[in-house]
Amino acid sequence: VGWYRQAPGKERELVADISHASAINYADSVKGRFTISRNNAENR
């Protein structure tokens, strides 16, 4: 699960995602500023 973003006139891009095993990827532009998390009990 994760988040993408799309600015006007630009392509949709990955912001961050997290696998079922909690492996995380961040776009370089958001590293150190954004934090992704998941709560499997809440499907969130």
All heavy atoms as atom14 arrays in JSON, in Angstrom:
{
  "sequence": "VGWYRQAPGKERELVADISHASAINYADSVKGRFTISRNNAENR",
  "atom14_mask": [
    [1, 1, 1, 1, 1, 1, 1, 0, 0, 0, 0, 0, 0, 0],
    [1, 1, 1, 1, 0, 0, 0, 0, 0, 0, 0, 0, 0, 0],
    [1, 1, 1, 1, 1, 1, 1, 1, 1, 1, 1, 1, 1, 1],
    [1, 1, 1, 1, 1, 1, 1, 1, 1, 1, 1, 1, 0, 0],
    [1, 1, 1, 1, 1, 1, 1, 1, 1, 1, 1, 0, 0, 0],
    [1, 1, 1, 1, 1, 1, 1, 1, 1, 0, 0, 0, 0, 0],
    [1, 1, 1, 1, 1, 0, 0, 0, 0, 0, 0, 0, 0, 0],
    [1, 1, 1, 1, 1, 1, 1, 0, 0, 0, 0, 0, 0, 0],
    [1, 1, 1, 1, 0, 0, 0, 0, 0, 0, 0, 0, 0, 0],
    [1, 1, 1, 1, 1, 1, 1, 1, 1, 0, 0, 0, 0, 0],
    [1, 1, 1, 1, 1, 1, 1, 1, 1, 0, 0, 0, 0, 0],
    [1, 1, 1, 1, 1, 1, 1, 1, 1, 1, 1, 0, 0, 0],
    [1, 1, 1, 1, 1, 1, 1, 1, 1, 0, 0, 0, 0, 0],
    [1, 1, 1, 1, 1, 1, 1, 1, 0, 0, 0, 0, 0, 0],
    [1, 1, 1, 1, 1, 1, 1, 0, 0, 0, 0, 0, 0, 0],
    [1, 1, 1, 1, 1, 0, 0, 0, 0, 0, 0, 0, 0, 0],
    [1, 1, 1, 1, 1, 1, 1, 1, 0, 0, 0, 0, 0, 0],
    [1, 1, 1, 1, 1, 1, 1, 1, 0, 0, 0, 0, 0, 0],
    [1, 1, 1, 1, 1, 1, 0, 0, 0, 0, 0, 0, 0, 0],
    [1, 1, 1, 1, 1, 1, 1, 1, 1, 1, 0, 0, 0, 0],
    [1, 1, 1, 1, 1, 0, 0, 0, 0, 0, 0, 0, 0, 0],
    [1, 1, 1, 1, 1, 1, 0, 0, 0, 0, 0, 0, 0, 0],
    [1, 1, 1, 1, 1, 0, 0, 0, 0, 0, 0, 0, 0, 0],
    [1, 1, 1, 1, 1, 1, 1, 1, 0, 0, 0, 0, 0, 0],
    [1, 1, 1, 1, 1, 1, 1, 1, 0, 0, 0, 0, 0, 0],
    [1, 1, 1, 1, 1, 1, 1, 1, 1, 1, 1, 1, 0, 0],
    [1, 1, 1, 1, 1, 0, 0, 0, 0, 0, 0, 0, 0, 0],
    [1, 1, 1, 1, 1, 1, 1, 1, 0, 0, 0, 0, 0, 0],
    [1, 1, 1, 1, 1, 1, 0, 0, 0, 0, 0, 0, 0, 0],
    [1, 1, 1, 1, 1, 1, 1, 0, 0, 0, 0, 0, 0, 0],
    [1, 1, 1, 1, 1, 1, 1, 1, 1, 0, 0, 0, 0, 0],
    [1, 1, 1, 1, 0, 0, 0, 0, 0, 0, 0, 0, 0, 0],
    [1, 1, 1, 1, 1, 1, 1, 1, 1, 1, 1, 0, 0, 0],
    [1, 1, 1, 1, 1, 1, 1, 1, 1, 1, 1, 0, 0, 0],
    [1, 1, 1, 1, 1, 1, 1, 0, 0, 0, 0, 0, 0, 0],
    [1, 1, 1, 1, 1, 1, 1, 1, 0, 0, 0, 0, 0, 0],
    [1, 1, 1, 1, 1, 1, 0, 0, 0, 0, 0, 0, 0, 0],
    [1, 1, 1, 1, 1, 1, 1, 1, 1, 1, 1, 0, 0, 0],
    [1, 1, 1, 1, 1, 1, 1, 1, 0, 0, 0, 0, 0, 0],
    [1, 1, 1, 1, 1, 1, 1, 1, 0, 0, 0, 0, 0, 0],
    [1, 1, 1, 1, 1, 0, 0, 0, 0, 0, 0, 0, 0, 0],
    [1, 1, 1, 1, 1, 1, 1, 1, 1, 0, 0, 0, 0, 0],
    [1, 1, 1, 1, 1, 1, 1, 1, 0, 0, 0, 0, 0, 0],
    [1, 1, 1, 1, 1, 1, 1, 1, 1, 1, 1, 0, 0, 0]
  ],
  "atom14_positions": [
    [[0.85, -1.2, 0.0], [0.0, 0.0, 0.0], [0.88, 1.23, 0.0], [2.02, 1.19, 0.49], [-0.95, 0.01, 1.22], [-1.97, -1.11, 1.1], [-0.18, -0.14, 2.53], [0.0, 0.0, 0.0], [0.0, 0.0, 0.0], [0.0, 0.0, 0.0], [0.0, 0.0, 0.0], [0.0, 0.0, 0.0], [0.0, 0.0, 0.0], [0.0, 0.0, 0.0]],
    [[0.35, 2.31, -0.54], [1.18, 3.51, -0.59], [0.44, 4.72, -1.12], [-0.79, 4.72, -1.22], [0.0, 0.0, 0.0], [0.0, 0.0, 0.0], [0.0, 0.0, 0.0], [0.0, 0.0, 0.0], [0.0, 0.0, 0.0], [0.0, 0.0, 0.0], [0.0, 0.0, 0.0], [0.0, 0.0, 0.0], [0.0, 0.0, 0.0], [0.0, 0.0, 0.0]],
    [[1.24, 5.73, -1.44], [0.73, 7.0, -1.9], [1.47, 7.44, -3.15], [2.71, 7.35, -3.22], [0.9, 8.07, -0.82], [0.08, 7.81, 0.39], [0.43, 7.09, 1.49], [-1.27, 8.25, 0.61], [-0.62, 7.05, 2.39], [-1.66, 7.76, 1.87], [-2.17, 9.01, -0.13], [-2.93, 8.01, 2.41], [-3.42, 9.26, 0.41], [-3.79, 8.77, 1.65]],
    [[0.71, 7.92, -4.12], [1.23, 8.56, -5.31], [0.71, 10.0, -5.31], [-0.24, 10.33, -4.61], [0.75, 7.85, -6.58], [1.46, 6.56, -6.87], [1.28, 5.44, -6.06], [2.31, 6.44, -7.97], [1.93, 4.24, -6.34], [2.96, 5.25, -8.26], [2.77, 4.16, -7.44], [3.41, 2.97, -7.72], [0.0, 0.0, 0.0], [0.0, 0.0, 0.0]],
    [[1.32, 10.82, -6.15], [0.82, 12.19, -6.3], [0.94, 12.62, -7.75], [1.78, 12.12, -8.5], [1.56, 13.15, -5.39], [3.03, 13.38, -5.74], [3.69, 14.26, -4.67], [5.1, 14.51, -4.96], [5.93, 15.13, -4.14], [5.5, 15.58, -2.95], [7.19, 15.33, -4.48], [0.0, 0.0, 0.0], [0.0, 0.0, 0.0], [0.0, 0.0, 0.0]],
    [[0.08, 13.57, -8.09], [0.09, 14.09, -9.46], [-0.15, 15.59, -9.4], [-1.22, 16.03, -8.94], [-0.94, 13.41, -10.33], [-0.86, 13.79, -11.79], [-1.69, 12.88, -12.68], [-2.6, 12.19, -12.24], [-1.36, 12.87, -13.96], [0.0, 0.0, 0.0], [0.0, 0.0, 0.0], [0.0, 0.0, 0.0], [0.0, 0.0, 0.0], [0.0, 0.0, 0.0]],
    [[0.83, 16.34, -9.87], [0.7, 17.79, -9.96], [0.18, 18.15, -11.35], [0.34, 17.37, -12.3], [2.05, 18.45, -9.71], [0.0, 0.0, 0.0], [0.0, 0.0, 0.0], [0.0, 0.0, 0.0], [0.0, 0.0, 0.0], [0.0, 0.0, 0.0], [0.0, 0.0, 0.0], [0.0, 0.0, 0.0], [0.0, 0.0, 0.0], [0.0, 0.0, 0.0]],
    [[-0.43, 19.3, -11.5], [-0.95, 19.71, -12.82], [0.14, 19.68, -13.89], [1.24, 20.2, -13.69], [-1.44, 21.14, -12.57], [-1.76, 21.18, -11.12], [-0.75, 20.3, -10.46], [0.0, 0.0, 0.0], [0.0, 0.0, 0.0], [0.0, 0.0, 0.0], [0.0, 0.0, 0.0], [0.0, 0.0, 0.0], [0.0, 0.0, 0.0], [0.0, 0.0, 0.0]],
    [[-0.16, 19.03, -15.0], [0.78, 18.98, -16.11], [1.91, 17.98, -15.95], [2.81, 17.91, -16.79], [0.0, 0.0, 0.0], [0.0, 0.0, 0.0], [0.0, 0.0, 0.0], [0.0, 0.0, 0.0], [0.0, 0.0, 0.0], [0.0, 0.0, 0.0], [0.0, 0.0, 0.0], [0.0, 0.0, 0.0], [0.0, 0.0, 0.0], [0.0, 0.0, 0.0]],
    [[1.87, 17.21, -14.86], [2.94, 16.24, -14.61], [2.36, 14.84, -14.51], [1.16, 14.65, -14.29], [3.69, 16.59, -13.33], [4.45, 17.9, -13.41], [5.36, 18.08, -12.21], [6.2, 19.33, -12.34], [7.12, 19.51, -11.17], [0.0, 0.0, 0.0], [0.0, 0.0, 0.0], [0.0, 0.0, 0.0], [0.0, 0.0, 0.0], [0.0, 0.0, 0.0]],
    [[3.24, 13.85, -14.63], [2.81, 12.46, -14.5], [2.65, 12.09, -13.03], [3.28, 12.68, -12.16], [3.84, 11.54, -15.17], [3.92, 11.69, -16.67], [4.82, 10.64, -17.31], [5.45, 9.87, -16.57], [4.88, 10.6, -18.55], [0.0, 0.0, 0.0], [0.0, 0.0, 0.0], [0.0, 0.0, 0.0], [0.0, 0.0, 0.0], [0.0, 0.0, 0.0]],
    [[1.82, 11.1, -12.81], [1.66, 10.59, -11.46], [2.96, 9.92, -11.03], [3.57, 9.17, -11.81], [0.5, 9.6, -11.4], [0.08, 9.21, -10.01], [-1.2, 8.41, -10.03], [-2.34, 9.18, -10.53], [-3.6, 8.77, -10.46], [-3.88, 7.59, -9.91], [-4.57, 9.51, -10.94], [0.0, 0.0, 0.0], [0.0, 0.0, 0.0], [0.0, 0.0, 0.0]],
    [[3.37, 10.16, -9.79], [4.64, 9.61, -9.31], [4.46, 8.99, -7.93], [3.62, 9.43, -7.14], [5.71, 10.71, -9.22], [5.4, 11.83, -8.25], [6.54, 12.84, -8.11], [7.58, 12.7, -8.79], [6.39, 13.78, -7.31], [0.0, 0.0, 0.0], [0.0, 0.0, 0.0], [0.0, 0.0, 0.0], [0.0, 0.0, 0.0], [0.0, 0.0, 0.0]],
    [[5.29, 8.0, -7.67], [5.28, 7.37, -6.36], [5.84, 8.33, -5.32], [6.9, 8.93, -5.51], [6.13, 6.1, -6.38], [6.32, 5.41, -5.03], [5.03, 4.79, -4.53], [7.42, 4.35, -5.12], [0.0, 0.0, 0.0], [0.0, 0.0, 0.0], [0.0, 0.0, 0.0], [0.0, 0.0, 0.0], [0.0, 0.0, 0.0], [0.0, 0.0, 0.0]],
    [[5.13, 8.44, -4.2], [5.62, 9.2, -3.06], [6.28, 8.25, -2.06], [7.42, 8.42, -1.66], [4.49, 9.97, -2.37], [5.01, 10.71, -1.13], [3.85, 10.95, -3.34], [0.0, 0.0, 0.0], [0.0, 0.0, 0.0], [0.0, 0.0, 0.0], [0.0, 0.0, 0.0], [0.0, 0.0, 0.0], [0.0, 0.0, 0.0], [0.0, 0.0, 0.0]],
    [[5.53, 7.22, -1.67], [6.04, 6.22, -0.73], [5.13, 5.01, -0.76], [3.93, 5.14, -1.01], [6.1, 6.78, 0.7], [0.0, 0.0, 0.0], [0.0, 0.0, 0.0], [0.0, 0.0, 0.0], [0.0, 0.0, 0.0], [0.0, 0.0, 0.0], [0.0, 0.0, 0.0], [0.0, 0.0, 0.0], [0.0, 0.0, 0.0], [0.0, 0.0, 0.0]],
    [[5.71, 3.84, -0.54], [4.89, 2.65, -0.35], [5.51, 1.75, 0.69], [6.67, 1.9, 1.07], [4.59, 1.92, -1.67], [5.82, 1.33, -2.33], [6.88, 1.22, -1.69], [5.73, 0.98, -3.52], [0.0, 0.0, 0.0], [0.0, 0.0, 0.0], [0.0, 0.0, 0.0], [0.0, 0.0, 0.0], [0.0, 0.0, 0.0], [0.0, 0.0, 0.0]],
    [[4.68, 0.82, 1.18], [5.11, -0.09, 2.24], [4.51, -1.46, 1.94], [3.31, -1.6, 1.7], [4.7, 0.45, 3.63], [5.13, -0.5, 4.74], [3.21, 0.76, 3.72], [5.01, 0.12, 6.13], [0.0, 0.0, 0.0], [0.0, 0.0, 0.0], [0.0, 0.0, 0.0], [0.0, 0.0, 0.0], [0.0, 0.0, 0.0], [0.0, 0.0, 0.0]],
    [[5.37, -2.47, 1.93], [4.93, -3.82, 1.59], [4.27, -4.5, 2.78], [4.29, -3.99, 3.91], [6.11, -4.64, 1.1], [6.93, -5.01, 2.21], [0.0, 0.0, 0.0], [0.0, 0.0, 0.0], [0.0, 0.0, 0.0], [0.0, 0.0, 0.0], [0.0, 0.0, 0.0], [0.0, 0.0, 0.0], [0.0, 0.0, 0.0], [0.0, 0.0, 0.0]],
    [[3.75, -5.71, 2.54], [3.15, -6.48, 3.63], [4.19, -6.83, 4.69], [3.85, -7.02, 5.85], [2.52, -7.76, 3.07], [3.52, -8.76, 2.6], [4.16, -8.64, 1.38], [4.01, -9.87, 3.18], [4.99, -9.66, 1.24], [4.93, -10.42, 2.32], [0.0, 0.0, 0.0], [0.0, 0.0, 0.0], [0.0, 0.0, 0.0], [0.0, 0.0, 0.0]],
    [[5.47, -6.86, 4.26], [6.55, -7.15, 5.21], [7.17, -5.87, 5.77], [8.24, -5.91, 6.38], [7.63, -7.98, 4.52], [0.0, 0.0, 0.0], [0.0, 0.0, 0.0], [0.0, 0.0, 0.0], [0.0, 0.0, 0.0], [0.0, 0.0, 0.0], [0.0, 0.0, 0.0], [0.0, 0.0, 0.0], [0.0, 0.0, 0.0], [0.0, 0.0, 0.0]],
    [[6.52, -4.75, 5.49], [6.95, -3.43, 5.99], [8.24, -2.92, 5.36], [8.94, -2.09, 5.96], [7.06, -3.43, 7.52], [5.8, -3.61, 8.11], [0.0, 0.0, 0.0], [0.0, 0.0, 0.0], [0.0, 0.0, 0.0], [0.0, 0.0, 0.0], [0.0, 0.0, 0.0], [0.0, 0.0, 0.0], [0.0, 0.0, 0.0], [0.0, 0.0, 0.0]],
    [[8.57, -3.4, 4.17], [9.65, -2.79, 3.4], [9.11, -1.49, 2.82], [8.01, -1.45, 2.26], [10.09, -3.72, 2.28], [0.0, 0.0, 0.0], [0.0, 0.0, 0.0], [0.0, 0.0, 0.0], [0.0, 0.0, 0.0], [0.0, 0.0, 0.0], [0.0, 0.0, 0.0], [0.0, 0.0, 0.0], [0.0, 0.0, 0.0], [0.0, 0.0, 0.0]],
    [[9.89, -0.42, 2.93], [9.42, 0.92, 2.57], [10.27, 1.52, 1.46], [11.5, 1.38, 1.47], [9.45, 1.84, 3.81], [8.41, 1.37, 4.84], [9.19, 3.29, 3.43], [8.45, 2.13, 6.15], [0.0, 0.0, 0.0], [0.0, 0.0, 0.0], [0.0, 0.0, 0.0], [0.0, 0.0, 0.0], [0.0, 0.0, 0.0], [0.0, 0.0, 0.0]],
    [[9.59, 2.19, 0.54], [10.26, 2.98, -0.5], [9.77, 4.42, -0.39], [8.57, 4.65, -0.19], [9.91, 2.47, -1.9], [10.47, 1.11, -2.17], [11.67, 0.89, -2.03], [9.63, 0.17, -2.54], [0.0, 0.0, 0.0], [0.0, 0.0, 0.0], [0.0, 0.0, 0.0], [0.0, 0.0, 0.0], [0.0, 0.0, 0.0], [0.0, 0.0, 0.0]],
    [[10.68, 5.35, -0.56], [10.34, 6.77, -0.61], [10.91, 7.38, -1.89], [12.01, 7.03, -2.32], [10.94, 7.55, 0.57], [10.32, 7.27, 1.91], [11.0, 6.52, 2.87], [9.06, 7.77, 2.24], [10.45, 6.28, 4.12], [8.5, 7.53, 3.49], [9.21, 6.78, 4.42], [8.64, 6.54, 5.65], [0.0, 0.0, 0.0], [0.0, 0.0, 0.0]],
    [[10.18, 8.33, -2.45], [10.76, 9.16, -3.5], [11.89, 9.99, -2.87], [11.8, 10.41, -1.72], [9.7, 10.09, -4.08], [0.0, 0.0, 0.0], [0.0, 0.0, 0.0], [0.0, 0.0, 0.0], [0.0, 0.0, 0.0], [0.0, 0.0, 0.0], [0.0, 0.0, 0.0], [0.0, 0.0, 0.0], [0.0, 0.0, 0.0], [0.0, 0.0, 0.0]],
    [[12.93, 10.22, -3.65], [14.07, 10.98, -3.13], [13.64, 12.35, -2.62], [14.18, 12.87, -1.64], [15.14, 11.14, -4.21], [15.9, 9.86, -4.49], [15.83, 8.94, -3.65], [16.55, 9.78, -5.54], [0.0, 0.0, 0.0], [0.0, 0.0, 0.0], [0.0, 0.0, 0.0], [0.0, 0.0, 0.0], [0.0, 0.0, 0.0], [0.0, 0.0, 0.0]],
    [[12.65, 12.94, -3.29], [12.25, 14.3, -2.96], [11.56, 14.42, -1.6], [11.42, 15.53, -1.08], [11.31, 14.84, -4.04], [10.16, 14.03, -4.15], [0.0, 0.0, 0.0], [0.0, 0.0, 0.0], [0.0, 0.0, 0.0], [0.0, 0.0, 0.0], [0.0, 0.0, 0.0], [0.0, 0.0, 0.0], [0.0, 0.0, 0.0], [0.0, 0.0, 0.0]],
    [[11.14, 13.29, -1.03], [10.42, 13.36, 0.25], [11.17, 12.68, 1.4], [10.73, 12.74, 2.55], [9.0, 12.76, 0.13], [8.24, 13.4, -1.02], [9.03, 11.25, 0.01], [0.0, 0.0, 0.0], [0.0, 0.0, 0.0], [0.0, 0.0, 0.0], [0.0, 0.0, 0.0], [0.0, 0.0, 0.0], [0.0, 0.0, 0.0], [0.0, 0.0, 0.0]],
    [[12.29, 12.04, 1.09], [13.05, 11.36, 2.14], [13.45, 12.33, 3.24], [13.91, 13.44, 2.97], [14.31, 10.71, 1.54], [14.04, 9.44, 0.77], [15.33, 8.85, 0.2], [15.02, 7.59, -0.6], [16.24, 7.05, -1.26], [0.0, 0.0, 0.0], [0.0, 0.0, 0.0], [0.0, 0.0, 0.0], [0.0, 0.0, 0.0], [0.0, 0.0, 0.0]],
    [[13.25, 11.89, 4.47], [13.58, 12.73, 5.61], [12.47, 13.69, 6.01], [12.55, 14.31, 7.08], [0.0, 0.0, 0.0], [0.0, 0.0, 0.0], [0.0, 0.0, 0.0], [0.0, 0.0, 0.0], [0.0, 0.0, 0.0], [0.0, 0.0, 0.0], [0.0, 0.0, 0.0], [0.0, 0.0, 0.0], [0.0, 0.0, 0.0], [0.0, 0.0, 0.0]],
    [[11.44, 13.82, 5.18], [10.33, 14.73, 5.49], [9.01, 13.98, 5.66], [8.17, 14.4, 6.47], [10.18, 15.77, 4.37], [11.4, 16.62, 4.14], [11.12, 17.77, 3.16], [10.75, 17.29, 1.83], [9.59, 17.58, 1.24], [8.7, 18.35, 1.83], [9.33, 17.12, 0.02], [0.0, 0.0, 0.0], [0.0, 0.0, 0.0], [0.0, 0.0, 0.0]],
    [[8.82, 12.92, 4.9], [7.57, 12.16, 4.92], [7.81, 10.8, 5.59], [8.89, 10.22, 5.43], [7.04, 11.92, 3.51], [6.53, 13.14, 2.78], [6.75, 14.42, 3.26], [5.83, 13.0, 1.6], [6.29, 15.54, 2.6], [5.35, 14.1, 0.91], [5.58, 15.37, 1.4], [0.0, 0.0, 0.0], [0.0, 0.0, 0.0], [0.0, 0.0, 0.0]],
    [[6.79, 10.3, 6.28], [6.85, 8.98, 6.89], [5.57, 8.23, 6.57], [4.47, 8.71, 6.86], [7.02, 9.09, 8.41], [8.2, 9.84, 8.72], [7.13, 7.7, 9.03], [0.0, 0.0, 0.0], [0.0, 0.0, 0.0], [0.0, 0.0, 0.0], [0.0, 0.0, 0.0], [0.0, 0.0, 0.0], [0.0, 0.0, 0.0], [0.0, 0.0, 0.0]],
    [[5.74, 7.04, 6.0], [4.58, 6.19, 5.71], [4.47, 5.12, 6.78], [5.49, 4.64, 7.3], [4.7, 5.56, 4.3], [3.37, 4.89, 3.91], [5.86, 4.57, 4.23], [3.32, 4.46, 2.44], [0.0, 0.0, 0.0], [0.0, 0.0, 0.0], [0.0, 0.0, 0.0], [0.0, 0.0, 0.0], [0.0, 0.0, 0.0], [0.0, 0.0, 0.0]],
    [[3.24, 4.76, 7.12], [3.02, 3.69, 8.1], [1.73, 2.96, 7.74], [0.88, 3.49, 7.02], [2.94, 4.26, 9.52], [1.87, 5.18, 9.63], [0.0, 0.0, 0.0], [0.0, 0.0, 0.0], [0.0, 0.0, 0.0], [0.0, 0.0, 0.0], [0.0, 0.0, 0.0], [0.0, 0.0, 0.0], [0.0, 0.0, 0.0], [0.0, 0.0, 0.0]],
    [[1.61, 1.74, 8.27], [0.39, 0.97, 8.03], [-0.08, 0.37, 9.34], [0.73, 0.04, 10.22], [0.62, -0.13, 6.99], [1.59, -1.22, 7.38], [1.86, -2.17, 6.2], [0.67, -2.89, 5.81], [0.53, -3.48, 4.62], [1.51, -3.42, 3.73], [-0.58, -4.14, 4.32], [0.0, 0.0, 0.0], [0.0, 0.0, 0.0], [0.0, 0.0, 0.0]],
    [[-1.38, 0.23, 9.45], [-2.01, -0.4, 10.6], [-2.9, -1.5, 10.06], [-4.0, -1.24, 9.56], [-2.81, 0.64, 11.4], [-3.42, 0.05, 12.66], [-3.83, -1.1, 12.69], [-3.48, 0.87, 13.69], [0.0, 0.0, 0.0], [0.0, 0.0, 0.0], [0.0, 0.0, 0.0], [0.0, 0.0, 0.0], [0.0, 0.0, 0.0], [0.0, 0.0, 0.0]],
    [[-2.43, -2.74, 10.15], [-3.18, -3.84, 9.56], [-4.49, -4.13, 10.32], [-5.44, -4.63, 9.74], [-2.32, -5.1, 9.52], [-1.2, -5.01, 8.49], [-1.28, -4.18, 7.57], [-0.19, -5.83, 8.63], [0.0, 0.0, 0.0], [0.0, 0.0, 0.0], [0.0, 0.0, 0.0], [0.0, 0.0, 0.0], [0.0, 0.0, 0.0], [0.0, 0.0, 0.0]],
    [[-4.54, -3.8, 11.59], [-5.75, -4.03, 12.36], [-6.88, -3.09, 11.9], [-8.06, -3.44, 12.01], [-5.48, -3.82, 13.84], [0.0, 0.0, 0.0], [0.0, 0.0, 0.0], [0.0, 0.0, 0.0], [0.0, 0.0, 0.0], [0.0, 0.0, 0.0], [0.0, 0.0, 0.0], [0.0, 0.0, 0.0], [0.0, 0.0, 0.0], [0.0, 0.0, 0.0]],
    [[-6.49, -1.91, 11.39], [-7.49, -0.93, 10.94], [-7.58, -0.84, 9.42], [-8.34, -0.02, 8.91], [-7.15, 0.45, 11.51], [-7.22, 0.53, 13.03], [-6.92, 1.92, 13.55], [-6.59, 2.83, 12.75], [-6.99, 2.11, 14.78], [0.0, 0.0, 0.0], [0.0, 0.0, 0.0], [0.0, 0.0, 0.0], [0.0, 0.0, 0.0], [0.0, 0.0, 0.0]],
    [[-6.79, -1.66, 8.71], [-6.74, -1.57, 7.24], [-6.43, -0.16, 6.78], [-7.04, 0.37, 5.85], [-8.06, -2.04, 6.62], [-8.22, -3.55, 6.65], [-7.43, -4.25, 7.28], [-9.25, -4.05, 6.0], [0.0, 0.0, 0.0], [0.0, 0.0, 0.0], [0.0, 0.0, 0.0], [0.0, 0.0, 0.0], [0.0, 0.0, 0.0], [0.0, 0.0, 0.0]],
    [[-5.45, 0.45, 7.43], [-5.17, 1.86, 7.22], [-3.7, 2.07, 6.83], [-2.8, 1.47, 7.41], [-5.47, 2.65, 8.49], [-5.24, 4.16, 8.37], [-5.38, 4.82, 9.75], [-6.69, 4.57, 10.34], [-7.75, 5.32, 10.12], [-7.65, 6.39, 9.33], [-8.91, 5.03, 10.68], [0.0, 0.0, 0.0], [0.0, 0.0, 0.0], [0.0, 0.0, 0.0]]
  ]
}
